[in-house]
Amino acid sequence: MGFFADRSGLETFAGQSPIDVAKPMAAIIFIWSGAAIAGNLIAAPAKFQAPSLTLPVALDVGRMQFQWLGVAEAVCAFLVLALLLASKRMASWQLVAVFAAFALQRLWILPVLDERTLAIIAGQPVKESSLHLVYIAAEVVKAACLVWAGSQAMRPLSARSRA
């Protein structure tokens, strides 16, 4: 069975009529992108600029921030997947990149960074690592692909409003 890309940037199996998911898909994707940008790219580095927060306290707050942000992102990922399944569509390459970046962050990078964080909080020495840069790169890719996918999900809505 082949598939084709429609104007929403989502792909559907040929011969099947998908349900209309443009509005909820766009909404969820943009909520996810806003949470990721606000939580990971703005708030996370901002707490280290607060002179009254010691490094262990900032790291402890960061651990909780990333834990709860991960829950919110997982809910968004689940909802996007549920909409894709309900509409009988396949994810665009942008959404595949988002899921891959999210999985990389949650399954590999964050567990390693969490171990380092706990060691620093406990006052133990840790070796230098560039893993934060890998996390940031994955986050930038994820955020850009989310915005792109959300914009593509909006296309059918703007086409309908012109008609």
C-alpha atoms as a PDB file:
ATOM      1  CA  MET A   1       0.000   0.000   0.000  1.00  0.00           C
ATOM      2  CA  GLY A   2       1.401   3.390  -0.940  1.00  0.00           C
ATOM      3  CA  PHE A   3       0.971   6.680   0.782  1.00  0.00           C
ATOM      4  CA  PHE A   4       0.830  10.293  -0.309  1.00  0.00           C
ATOM      5  CA  ALA A   5       1.397  13.582   1.433  1.00  0.00           C
ATOM      6  CA  ASP A   6      -1.594  15.854   1.708  1.00  0.00           C
ATOM      7  CA  ARG A   7      -1.561  19.620   2.217  1.00  0.00           C
ATOM      8  CA  SER A   8      -1.339  19.244   5.991  1.00  0.00           C
ATOM      9  CA  GLY A   9       2.125  17.723   5.761  1.00  0.00           C
ATOM     10  CA  LEU A  10       0.749  14.457   7.101  1.00  0.00           C
ATOM     11  CA  GLU A  11       0.724  11.331   5.002  1.00  0.00           C
ATOM     12  CA  THR A  12      -2.224   8.990   4.636  1.00  0.00           C
ATOM     13  CA  PHE A  13      -2.530   5.466   3.317  1.00  0.00           C
ATOM     14  CA  ALA A  14      -3.908   5.455  -0.229  1.00  0.00           C
ATOM     15  CA  GLY A  15      -7.562   4.602  -0.535  1.00  0.00           C
ATOM     16  CA  GLN A  16      -8.483   5.428   3.059  1.00  0.00           C
ATOM     17  CA  SER A  17     -10.484   8.449   4.124  1.00  0.00           C
ATOM     18  CA  PRO A  18      -8.890  10.026   7.189  1.00  0.00           C
ATOM     19  CA  ILE A  19     -10.847  12.025   9.729  1.00  0.00           C
ATOM     20  CA  ASP A  20     -10.174  15.750   9.860  1.00  0.00           C
ATOM     21  CA  VAL A  21      -7.434  16.320  12.415  1.00  0.00           C
ATOM     22  CA  ALA A  22      -6.014  19.647  11.241  1.00  0.00           C
ATOM     23  CA  LYS A  23      -7.316  21.796  14.119  1.00  0.00           C
ATOM     24  CA  PRO A  24      -6.527  19.506  17.065  1.00  0.00           C
ATOM     25  CA  MET A  25      -3.228  18.433  15.486  1.00  0.00           C
ATOM     26  CA  ALA A  26      -2.091  22.028  14.999  1.00  0.00           C
ATOM     27  CA  ALA A  27      -3.216  22.978  18.510  1.00  0.00           C
ATOM     28  CA  ILE A  28      -1.389  20.101  20.195  1.00  0.00           C
ATOM     29  CA  ILE A  29       1.767  20.614  18.150  1.00  0.00           C
ATOM     30  CA  PHE A  30       1.860  24.331  18.954  1.00  0.00           C
ATOM     31  CA  ILE A  31       1.207  23.669  22.669  1.00  0.00           C
ATOM     32  CA  TRP A  32       4.069  21.152  22.597  1.00  0.00           C
ATOM     33  CA  SER A  33       6.390  23.588  20.824  1.00  0.00           C
ATOM     34  CA  GLY A  34       5.534  26.356  23.282  1.00  0.00           C
ATOM     35  CA  ALA A  35       6.200  24.107  26.275  1.00  0.00           C
ATOM     36  CA  ALA A  36       9.488  22.880  24.813  1.00  0.00           C
ATOM     37  CA  ILE A  37      10.733  26.361  23.922  1.00  0.00           C
ATOM     38  CA  ALA A  38       9.607  27.949  27.193  1.00  0.00           C
ATOM     39  CA  GLY A  39      10.746  25.128  29.458  1.00  0.00           C
ATOM     40  CA  ASN A  40      13.925  23.928  27.787  1.00  0.00           C
ATOM     41  CA  LEU A  41      15.309  26.904  25.896  1.00  0.00           C
ATOM     42  CA  ILE A  42      14.197  29.853  28.061  1.00  0.00           C
ATOM     43  CA  ALA A  43      13.479  28.828  31.670  1.00  0.00           C
ATOM     44  CA  ALA A  44      16.214  26.207  32.009  1.00  0.00           C
ATOM     45  CA  PRO A  45      19.144  28.539  31.331  1.00  0.00           C
ATOM     46  CA  ALA A  46      17.421  31.498  33.061  1.00  0.00           C
ATOM     47  CA  LYS A  47      17.515  29.880  36.500  1.00  0.00           C
ATOM     48  CA  PHE A  48      21.317  29.805  36.342  1.00  0.00           C
ATOM     49  CA  GLN A  49      21.297  33.600  35.990  1.00  0.00           C
ATOM     50  CA  ALA A  50      19.603  34.060  39.383  1.00  0.00           C
ATOM     51  CA  PRO A  51      22.399  35.106  41.742  1.00  0.00           C
ATOM     52  CA  SER A  52      20.540  33.920  44.856  1.00  0.00           C
ATOM     53  CA  LEU A  53      20.288  30.300  43.636  1.00  0.00           C
ATOM     54  CA  THR A  54      23.214  28.096  44.494  1.00  0.00           C
ATOM     55  CA  LEU A  55      24.274  25.572  41.848  1.00  0.00           C
ATOM     56  CA  PRO A  56      22.873  22.570  43.779  1.00  0.00           C
ATOM     57  CA  VAL A  57      19.506  24.315  44.245  1.00  0.00           C
ATOM     58  CA  ALA A  58      19.345  25.382  40.583  1.00  0.00           C
ATOM     59  CA  LEU A  59      20.178  21.830  39.515  1.00  0.00           C
ATOM     60  CA  ASP A  60      17.556  20.362  41.840  1.00  0.00           C
ATOM     61  CA  VAL A  61      14.913  22.744  40.483  1.00  0.00           C
ATOM     62  CA  GLY A  62      16.054  21.838  36.969  1.00  0.00           C
ATOM     63  CA  ARG A  63      15.601  18.130  37.646  1.00  0.00           C
ATOM     64  CA  MET A  64      11.978  18.706  38.629  1.00  0.00           C
ATOM     65  CA  GLN A  65      11.437  21.094  35.721  1.00  0.00           C
ATOM     66  CA  PHE A  66      12.672  18.522  33.193  1.00  0.00           C
ATOM     67  CA  GLN A  67      10.715  15.734  34.878  1.00  0.00           C
ATOM     68  CA  TRP A  68       7.392  17.578  34.647  1.00  0.00           C
ATOM     69  CA  LEU A  69       8.130  19.029  31.244  1.00  0.00           C
ATOM     70  CA  GLY A  70       8.814  15.472  30.090  1.00  0.00           C
ATOM     71  CA  VAL A  71       5.382  14.415  31.333  1.00  0.00           C
ATOM     72  CA  ALA A  72       3.733  17.279  29.426  1.00  0.00           C
ATOM     73  CA  GLU A  73       5.707  16.461  26.283  1.00  0.00           C
ATOM     74  CA  ALA A  74       4.853  12.768  26.566  1.00  0.00           C
ATOM     75  CA  VAL A  75       1.149  13.646  26.787  1.00  0.00           C
ATOM     76  CA  CYS A  76       1.468  15.805  23.663  1.00  0.00           C
ATOM     77  CA  ALA A  77       3.361  13.022  21.849  1.00  0.00           C
ATOM     78  CA  PHE A  78       0.668  10.504  22.803  1.00  0.00           C
ATOM     79  CA  LEU A  79      -2.105  12.823  21.580  1.00  0.00           C
ATOM     80  CA  VAL A  80      -0.330  13.458  18.272  1.00  0.00           C
ATOM     81  CA  LEU A  81       0.146   9.712  17.788  1.00  0.00           C
ATOM     82  CA  ALA A  82      -3.509   9.063  18.682  1.00  0.00           C
ATOM     83  CA  LEU A  83      -4.646  11.628  16.103  1.00  0.00           C
ATOM     84  CA  LEU A  84      -2.380  10.102  13.485  1.00  0.00           C
ATOM     85  CA  LEU A  85      -3.816   6.645  14.173  1.00  0.00           C
ATOM     86  CA  ALA A  86      -7.414   7.863  14.270  1.00  0.00           C
ATOM     87  CA  SER A  87      -6.990   9.685  10.972  1.00  0.00           C
ATOM     88  CA  LYS A  88      -5.104   6.783   9.395  1.00  0.00           C
ATOM     89  CA  ARG A  89      -2.203   9.095   8.616  1.00  0.00           C
ATOM     90  CA  MET A  90       1.516   8.624   8.877  1.00  0.00           C
ATOM     91  CA  ALA A  91       3.732  11.233  10.442  1.00  0.00           C
ATOM     92  CA  SER A  92       5.544  13.710   8.226  1.00  0.00           C
ATOM     93  CA  TRP A  93       9.326  13.658   8.355  1.00  0.00           C
ATOM     94  CA  GLN A  94       9.168  16.693  10.680  1.00  0.00           C
ATOM     95  CA  LEU A  95       7.102  14.760  13.215  1.00  0.00           C
ATOM     96  CA  VAL A  96       9.375  11.733  12.863  1.00  0.00           C
ATOM     97  CA  ALA A  97      12.315  14.045  13.677  1.00  0.00           C
ATOM     98  CA  VAL A  98      10.406  15.393  16.701  1.00  0.00           C
ATOM     99  CA  PHE A  99       9.708  11.897  18.043  1.00  0.00           C
ATOM    100  CA  ALA A 100      13.321  10.852  17.420  1.00  0.00           C
ATOM    101  CA  ALA A 101      14.721  13.920  19.229  1.00  0.00           C
ATOM    102  CA  PHE A 102      12.297  13.440  22.122  1.00  0.00           C
ATOM    103  CA  ALA A 103      13.230   9.761  22.450  1.00  0.00           C
ATOM    104  CA  LEU A 104      16.956  10.569  22.275  1.00  0.00           C
ATOM    105  CA  GLN A 105      16.569  13.166  25.014  1.00  0.00           C
ATOM    106  CA  ARG A 106      14.393  11.092  27.334  1.00  0.00           C
ATOM    107  CA  LEU A 107      15.963   7.672  26.878  1.00  0.00           C
ATOM    108  CA  TRP A 108      19.658   8.524  26.663  1.00  0.00           C
ATOM    109  CA  ILE A 109      20.711  12.136  27.286  1.00  0.00           C
ATOM    110  CA  LEU A 110      18.592  13.064  30.315  1.00  0.00           C
ATOM    111  CA  PRO A 111      19.310   9.886  32.307  1.00  0.00           C
ATOM    112  CA  VAL A 112      23.063  10.503  31.900  1.00  0.00           C
ATOM    113  CA  LEU A 113      22.709  14.203  32.734  1.00  0.00           C
ATOM    114  CA  ASP A 114      20.553  13.311  35.740  1.00  0.00           C
ATOM    115  CA  GLU A 115      23.342  11.101  37.126  1.00  0.00           C
ATOM    116  CA  ARG A 116      25.784  14.005  36.741  1.00  0.00           C
ATOM    117  CA  THR A 117      23.311  16.373  38.386  1.00  0.00           C
ATOM    118  CA  LEU A 118      22.831  14.094  41.388  1.00  0.00           C
ATOM    119  CA  ALA A 119      26.613  13.779  41.759  1.00  0.00           C
ATOM    120  CA  ILE A 120      27.050  17.574  41.696  1.00  0.00           C
ATOM    121  CA  ILE A 121      24.231  18.052  44.211  1.00  0.00           C
ATOM    122  CA  ALA A 122      25.936  15.481  46.463  1.00  0.00           C
ATOM    123  CA  GLY A 123      29.189  17.438  46.181  1.00  0.00           C
ATOM    124  CA  GLN A 124      31.010  14.780  44.152  1.00  0.00           C
ATOM    125  CA  PRO A 125      33.409  15.732  41.370  1.00  0.00           C
ATOM    126  CA  VAL A 126      32.275  15.086  37.792  1.00  0.00           C
ATOM    127  CA  LYS A 127      34.198  15.037  34.522  1.00  0.00           C
ATOM    128  CA  GLU A 128      33.602  17.666  31.870  1.00  0.00           C
ATOM    129  CA  SER A 129      30.957  16.663  29.335  1.00  0.00           C
ATOM    130  CA  SER A 130      29.571  18.096  26.121  1.00  0.00           C
ATOM    131  CA  LEU A 131      26.318  16.187  26.550  1.00  0.00           C
ATOM    132  CA  HIS A 132      24.483  19.433  27.372  1.00  0.00           C
ATOM    133  CA  LEU A 133      25.361  20.667  23.889  1.00  0.00           C
ATOM    134  CA  VAL A 134      23.948  17.471  22.362  1.00  0.00           C
ATOM    135  CA  TYR A 135      20.752  18.001  24.378  1.00  0.00           C
ATOM    136  CA  ILE A 136      20.512  21.630  23.226  1.00  0.00           C
ATOM    137  CA  ALA A 137      21.048  20.619  19.586  1.00  0.00           C
ATOM    138  CA  ALA A 138      18.307  17.980  19.870  1.00  0.00           C
ATOM    139  CA  GLU A 139      16.029  20.560  21.500  1.00  0.00           C
ATOM    140  CA  VAL A 140      16.591  23.114  18.740  1.00  0.00           C
ATOM    141  CA  VAL A 141      15.863  20.469  16.080  1.00  0.00           C
ATOM    142  CA  LYS A 142      12.760  19.337  18.002  1.00  0.00           C
ATOM    143  CA  ALA A 143      11.439  22.881  18.464  1.00  0.00           C
ATOM    144  CA  ALA A 144      12.059  23.857  14.831  1.00  0.00           C
ATOM    145  CA  CYS A 145      10.384  20.689  13.537  1.00  0.00           C
ATOM    146  CA  LEU A 146       7.423  21.196  15.878  1.00  0.00           C
ATOM    147  CA  VAL A 147       6.866  24.742  14.603  1.00  0.00           C
ATOM    148  CA  TRP A 148       7.249  23.527  11.013  1.00  0.00           C
ATOM    149  CA  ALA A 149       4.853  20.595  11.542  1.00  0.00           C
ATOM    150  CA  GLY A 150       2.351  22.868  13.286  1.00  0.00           C
ATOM    151  CA  SER A 151       2.496  25.321  10.412  1.00  0.00           C
ATOM    152  CA  GLN A 152       1.900  22.515   7.939  1.00  0.00           C
ATOM    153  CA  ALA A 153      -1.023  21.237   9.988  1.00  0.00           C
ATOM    154  CA  MET A 154      -2.550  24.727   9.678  1.00  0.00           C
ATOM    155  CA  ARG A 155      -2.448  24.697   5.861  1.00  0.00           C
ATOM    156  CA  PRO A 156      -5.815  22.989   5.315  1.00  0.00           C
ATOM    157  CA  LEU A 157      -7.413  25.436   7.742  1.00  0.00           C
ATOM    158  CA  SER A 158      -6.172  28.489   5.858  1.00  0.00           C
ATOM    159  CA  ALA A 159      -7.200  26.893   2.531  1.00  0.00           C
ATOM    160  CA  ARG A 160     -10.748  26.362   3.900  1.00  0.00           C
ATOM    161  CA  SER A 161     -11.003  29.945   5.110  1.00  0.00           C
ATOM    162  CA  ARG A 162     -10.074  31.218   1.622  1.00  0.00           C
ATOM    163  CA  ALA A 163     -12.729  29.017   0.005  1.00  0.00           C
END
